[in-house]
């Protein structure tokens, strides 16, 4: 996975980790079903980043840290930013 991180767009990398690599299942087992919305929001942020910037993992992580994005779960069941 580390070798691919330099060559694969952020969304594709995280989708693979969360899908085929079993990351989503592991997260949900550990954190509960409530983690589903934030995981989906995170993948959505990766796609949004790729629409506006050259897709790189380092750039995406820098963008996340520099931004004021916060994923919240409201009691109505919808994730908001």
C-alpha atoms as a PDB file:
ATOM      1  CA  UNK A   1       0.000   0.000   0.000  1.00  0.00           C
ATOM      2  CA  UNK A   2       2.824   2.426   0.822  1.00  0.00           C
ATOM      3  CA  UNK A   3       4.361   1.926  -2.623  1.00  0.00           C
ATOM      4  CA  UNK A   4       1.023   2.729  -4.285  1.00  0.00           C
ATOM      5  CA  UNK A   5       0.442   5.884  -2.221  1.00  0.00           C
ATOM      6  CA  UNK A   6       2.738   7.928  -4.468  1.00  0.00           C
ATOM      7  CA  UNK A   7       1.011   6.844  -7.675  1.00  0.00           C
ATOM      8  CA  UNK A   8      -2.693   6.415  -6.892  1.00  0.00           C
ATOM      9  CA  UNK A   9      -5.153   9.318  -6.408  1.00  0.00           C
ATOM     10  CA  UNK A  10      -6.314   9.759  -2.798  1.00  0.00           C
ATOM     11  CA  UNK A  11      -9.890   8.609  -3.404  1.00  0.00           C
ATOM     12  CA  UNK A  12      -8.782   5.437  -5.157  1.00  0.00           C
ATOM     13  CA  UNK A  13      -6.268   4.641  -2.416  1.00  0.00           C
ATOM     14  CA  UNK A  14      -8.724   5.153   0.440  1.00  0.00           C
ATOM     15  CA  UNK A  15     -11.550   3.377  -1.397  1.00  0.00           C
ATOM     16  CA  UNK A  16      -9.259   0.370  -1.789  1.00  0.00           C
ATOM     17  CA  UNK A  17      -8.204   0.465   1.858  1.00  0.00           C
ATOM     18  CA  UNK A  18     -11.792   0.789   3.042  1.00  0.00           C
ATOM     19  CA  UNK A  19     -13.130  -1.748   0.547  1.00  0.00           C
ATOM     20  CA  UNK A  20     -10.949  -4.615  -0.618  1.00  0.00           C
ATOM     21  CA  UNK A  21      -8.531  -4.282   2.289  1.00  0.00           C
ATOM     22  CA  UNK A  22     -11.386  -4.543   4.829  1.00  0.00           C
ATOM     23  CA  UNK A  23     -10.832  -1.167   6.475  1.00  0.00           C
ATOM     24  CA  UNK A  24     -14.500  -0.154   6.502  1.00  0.00           C
ATOM     25  CA  UNK A  25     -15.525  -3.429   8.145  1.00  0.00           C
ATOM     26  CA  UNK A  26     -12.774  -3.073  10.755  1.00  0.00           C
ATOM     27  CA  UNK A  27     -13.745   0.538  11.506  1.00  0.00           C
ATOM     28  CA  UNK A  28     -17.421  -0.322  11.867  1.00  0.00           C
ATOM     29  CA  UNK A  29     -16.650  -3.307  14.087  1.00  0.00           C
ATOM     30  CA  UNK A  30     -14.517  -1.138  16.348  1.00  0.00           C
ATOM     31  CA  UNK A  31     -16.492   2.132  16.311  1.00  0.00           C
ATOM     32  CA  UNK A  32     -20.007   0.980  15.524  1.00  0.00           C
ATOM     33  CA  UNK A  33     -22.399   1.771  12.697  1.00  0.00           C
ATOM     34  CA  UNK A  34     -22.232   5.462  13.654  1.00  0.00           C
ATOM     35  CA  UNK A  35     -18.857   5.595  11.873  1.00  0.00           C
ATOM     36  CA  UNK A  36     -20.464   4.940   8.469  1.00  0.00           C
ATOM     37  CA  UNK A  37     -21.449   8.573   7.790  1.00  0.00           C
ATOM     38  CA  UNK A  38     -18.014  10.035   8.625  1.00  0.00           C
ATOM     39  CA  UNK A  39     -16.321   7.389   6.443  1.00  0.00           C
ATOM     40  CA  UNK A  40     -18.574   8.326   3.523  1.00  0.00           C
ATOM     41  CA  UNK A  41     -17.951  12.023   4.167  1.00  0.00           C
ATOM     42  CA  UNK A  42     -14.192  11.397   4.170  1.00  0.00           C
ATOM     43  CA  UNK A  43     -14.391   9.654   0.793  1.00  0.00           C
ATOM     44  CA  UNK A  44     -16.505  12.537  -0.486  1.00  0.00           C
ATOM     45  CA  UNK A  45     -13.818  14.974   0.632  1.00  0.00           C
ATOM     46  CA  UNK A  46     -11.218  12.954  -1.267  1.00  0.00           C
ATOM     47  CA  UNK A  47     -13.321  13.244  -4.430  1.00  0.00           C
ATOM     48  CA  UNK A  48     -13.903  16.962  -3.876  1.00  0.00           C
ATOM     49  CA  UNK A  49     -10.173  17.507  -3.465  1.00  0.00           C
ATOM     50  CA  UNK A  50      -9.427  15.660  -6.707  1.00  0.00           C
ATOM     51  CA  UNK A  51     -11.928  17.815  -8.632  1.00  0.00           C
ATOM     52  CA  UNK A  52     -10.069  20.996  -7.685  1.00  0.00           C
ATOM     53  CA  UNK A  53      -6.434  19.903  -7.273  1.00  0.00           C
ATOM     54  CA  UNK A  54      -3.830  17.613  -8.770  1.00  0.00           C
ATOM     55  CA  UNK A  55      -4.527  14.271  -7.080  1.00  0.00           C
ATOM     56  CA  UNK A  56      -1.750  13.478  -4.608  1.00  0.00           C
ATOM     57  CA  UNK A  57      -1.943  11.923  -1.174  1.00  0.00           C
ATOM     58  CA  UNK A  58       0.435  14.454   0.345  1.00  0.00           C
ATOM     59  CA  UNK A  59      -1.573  17.335  -1.118  1.00  0.00           C
ATOM     60  CA  UNK A  60      -4.856  15.848   0.081  1.00  0.00           C
ATOM     61  CA  UNK A  61      -3.582  15.384   3.635  1.00  0.00           C
ATOM     62  CA  UNK A  62      -2.169  18.935   3.669  1.00  0.00           C
ATOM     63  CA  UNK A  63      -5.520  20.225   2.370  1.00  0.00           C
ATOM     64  CA  UNK A  64      -7.391  18.366   5.133  1.00  0.00           C
ATOM     65  CA  UNK A  65      -5.122  19.723   7.864  1.00  0.00           C
ATOM     66  CA  UNK A  66      -5.236  23.289   6.517  1.00  0.00           C
ATOM     67  CA  UNK A  67      -8.995  23.293   6.026  1.00  0.00           C
ATOM     68  CA  UNK A  68     -11.712  23.897   8.521  1.00  0.00           C
ATOM     69  CA  UNK A  69     -13.674  20.808   7.549  1.00  0.00           C
ATOM     70  CA  UNK A  70     -15.336  19.039  10.429  1.00  0.00           C
ATOM     71  CA  UNK A  71     -17.557  16.023  10.007  1.00  0.00           C
ATOM     72  CA  UNK A  72     -20.431  15.935  12.459  1.00  0.00           C
ATOM     73  CA  UNK A  73     -23.247  13.503  12.868  1.00  0.00           C
ATOM     74  CA  UNK A  74     -26.517  15.067  13.827  1.00  0.00           C
ATOM     75  CA  UNK A  75     -29.219  13.063  15.540  1.00  0.00           C
ATOM     76  CA  UNK A  76     -31.379  13.165  12.409  1.00  0.00           C
ATOM     77  CA  UNK A  77     -29.003  10.670  10.804  1.00  0.00           C
ATOM     78  CA  UNK A  78     -27.347  12.931   8.212  1.00  0.00           C
ATOM     79  CA  UNK A  79     -23.696  13.893   8.167  1.00  0.00           C
ATOM     80  CA  UNK A  80     -22.914  17.591   7.859  1.00  0.00           C
ATOM     81  CA  UNK A  81     -19.788  19.593   7.316  1.00  0.00           C
END
